[in-house]
Amino acid sequence: MAEKKSIPLCIILTIVTCGIYGIIWFIDLHNSAKALSKDEQDTSAGVAFLLTLVTCGIYGIYWAYKKGTQLEKAFKMRGLPGAENKAVLYLILFVFISIVAWCLMQNDVNTLVDYDSNGSSNTAG
């Protein structure tokens, strides 16, 4: 189940815990994008994290691209504005500054969770 998270708090916790909270955040982003896009074919979060570790981050680049396409699908399913494909942006940011890509992904997840909890009242903008 996707849940809204405070982006500044996630960043602070990731820094304070020397990246350990980043693992939790990565797994939560994976599960949230998978749930919001209703993509049952996607790998589990644990496998995605393990593959990212084993491939020294190479799978993580693919992962960032895949999350971009899943979030785009989730926006389109709801008919929300902002459904442009951000997959390439996430991929590029993941290569250089992965935490920024995670922040943008979390922002999209937060938007979708708000929409799902409030209905169509959150689409004005």
Protein backbone atom coordinates (compact mmCIF):
# COMPACT_ATOMS: atom_id res chain seq x y z
CA MET A 1 0.00 0.00 0.00
CA ALA A 2 1.36 3.38 -0.98
CA GLU A 3 1.67 6.01 1.68
CA LYS A 4 2.55 9.68 1.74
CA LYS A 5 5.97 10.54 3.19
CA SER A 6 7.66 13.78 4.13
CA ILE A 7 10.46 14.30 1.61
CA PRO A 8 12.64 16.49 3.88
CA LEU A 9 12.30 13.95 6.69
CA CYS A 10 13.30 11.11 4.34
CA ILE A 11 16.39 13.05 3.27
CA ILE A 12 17.37 13.85 6.85
CA LEU A 13 16.85 10.26 8.00
CA THR A 14 18.88 8.96 5.06
CA ILE A 15 21.78 11.27 5.94
CA VAL A 16 21.61 10.72 9.71
CA THR A 17 21.50 6.92 9.36
CA CYS A 18 24.37 6.91 6.84
CA GLY A 19 22.12 5.59 4.10
CA ILE A 20 20.34 2.84 6.00
CA TYR A 21 17.01 4.65 5.86
CA GLY A 22 17.70 5.09 2.13
CA ILE A 23 17.31 1.33 1.76
CA ILE A 24 13.91 1.48 3.44
CA TRP A 25 12.94 4.46 1.27
CA PHE A 26 14.07 2.62 -1.90
CA ILE A 27 11.96 -0.40 -0.99
CA ASP A 28 8.96 1.76 -0.11
CA LEU A 29 9.21 3.70 -3.38
CA HIS A 30 9.34 0.42 -5.27
CA ASN A 31 6.27 -0.95 -3.50
CA SER A 32 4.36 2.33 -3.81
CA ALA A 33 4.94 2.70 -7.56
CA LYS A 34 4.05 -0.96 -8.07
CA ALA A 35 0.81 -0.61 -6.09
CA LEU A 36 -0.25 2.71 -7.60
CA SER A 37 0.28 1.48 -11.16
CA LYS A 38 -1.26 -1.93 -10.39
CA ASP A 39 1.76 -3.59 -12.03
CA GLU A 40 1.61 -7.17 -10.79
CA GLN A 41 4.41 -8.29 -13.14
CA ASP A 42 7.09 -6.19 -11.42
CA THR A 43 9.76 -7.82 -9.27
CA SER A 44 9.61 -7.65 -5.51
CA ALA A 45 11.30 -4.76 -3.71
CA GLY A 46 13.83 -7.07 -2.07
CA VAL A 47 14.89 -8.53 -5.40
CA ALA A 48 15.17 -5.04 -6.92
CA PHE A 49 17.39 -3.89 -4.05
CA LEU A 50 19.51 -7.04 -4.16
CA LEU A 51 19.99 -6.73 -7.93
CA THR A 52 20.99 -3.09 -7.48
CA LEU A 53 23.63 -4.13 -4.94
CA VAL A 54 24.94 -7.09 -6.92
CA THR A 55 25.25 -5.09 -10.15
CA CYS A 56 26.92 -2.15 -8.36
CA GLY A 57 24.00 0.15 -9.19
CA ILE A 58 23.50 -0.79 -12.84
CA TYR A 59 20.13 -2.42 -12.13
CA GLY A 60 19.24 0.71 -10.14
CA ILE A 61 19.45 2.75 -13.34
CA TYR A 62 16.94 0.43 -14.99
CA TRP A 63 14.87 0.51 -11.79
CA ALA A 64 14.66 4.32 -11.88
CA TYR A 65 13.50 4.21 -15.51
CA LYS A 66 10.91 1.53 -14.70
CA LYS A 67 9.52 3.53 -11.75
CA GLY A 68 9.13 6.54 -14.06
CA THR A 69 7.03 4.52 -16.48
CA GLN A 70 4.98 3.02 -13.65
CA LEU A 71 4.24 6.42 -12.12
CA GLU A 72 3.32 7.79 -15.55
CA LYS A 73 0.87 4.89 -15.94
CA ALA A 74 -0.58 5.62 -12.48
CA PHE A 75 -1.15 9.29 -13.39
CA LYS A 76 -2.79 8.35 -16.69
CA MET A 77 -5.04 5.76 -15.01
CA ARG A 78 -6.40 8.54 -12.81
CA GLY A 79 -6.58 11.13 -15.58
CA LEU A 80 -4.33 13.49 -13.64
CA PRO A 81 -2.26 16.28 -15.17
CA GLY A 82 1.48 15.74 -14.90
CA ALA A 83 1.37 12.33 -16.57
CA GLU A 84 4.34 13.12 -18.77
CA ASN A 85 6.97 10.43 -18.87
CA LYS A 86 9.68 11.28 -16.35
CA ALA A 87 11.47 7.96 -16.78
CA VAL A 88 14.49 9.44 -18.57
CA LEU A 89 14.73 12.23 -16.00
CA TYR A 90 14.69 9.70 -13.16
CA LEU A 91 17.30 7.60 -14.96
CA ILE A 92 19.69 10.53 -15.45
CA LEU A 93 19.22 11.81 -11.91
CA PHE A 94 19.71 8.31 -10.49
CA VAL A 95 23.08 8.09 -12.25
CA PHE A 96 24.34 11.39 -10.82
CA ILE A 97 22.35 12.16 -7.65
CA SER A 98 20.04 9.28 -6.81
CA ILE A 99 18.48 10.94 -3.76
CA VAL A 100 17.09 13.70 -6.01
CA ALA A 101 15.45 11.07 -8.22
CA TRP A 102 13.95 9.50 -5.10
CA CYS A 103 12.62 12.89 -3.97
CA LEU A 104 10.88 13.45 -7.32
CA MET A 105 9.47 9.92 -7.25
CA GLN A 106 8.22 10.46 -3.70
CA ASN A 107 6.59 13.73 -4.77
CA ASP A 108 4.71 11.86 -7.51
CA VAL A 109 3.71 9.11 -5.06
CA ASN A 110 2.49 11.76 -2.58
CA THR A 111 0.41 13.40 -5.32
CA LEU A 112 -1.17 10.08 -6.27
CA VAL A 113 -1.86 9.13 -2.64
CA ASP A 114 -3.48 12.53 -2.06
CA TYR A 115 -5.64 12.03 -5.13
CA ASP A 116 -6.66 8.54 -4.08
CA SER A 117 -7.57 9.67 -0.56
CA ASN A 118 -9.34 12.91 -1.59
CA GLY A 119 -10.82 11.90 -4.93
CA SER A 120 -10.99 14.39 -7.76
CA SER A 121 -10.87 17.47 -5.47
CA ASN A 122 -7.08 17.55 -5.72
CA THR A 123 -6.84 17.84 -9.51
CA ALA A 124 -7.19 21.62 -9.72
CA GLY A 125 -3.96 23.28 -10.27
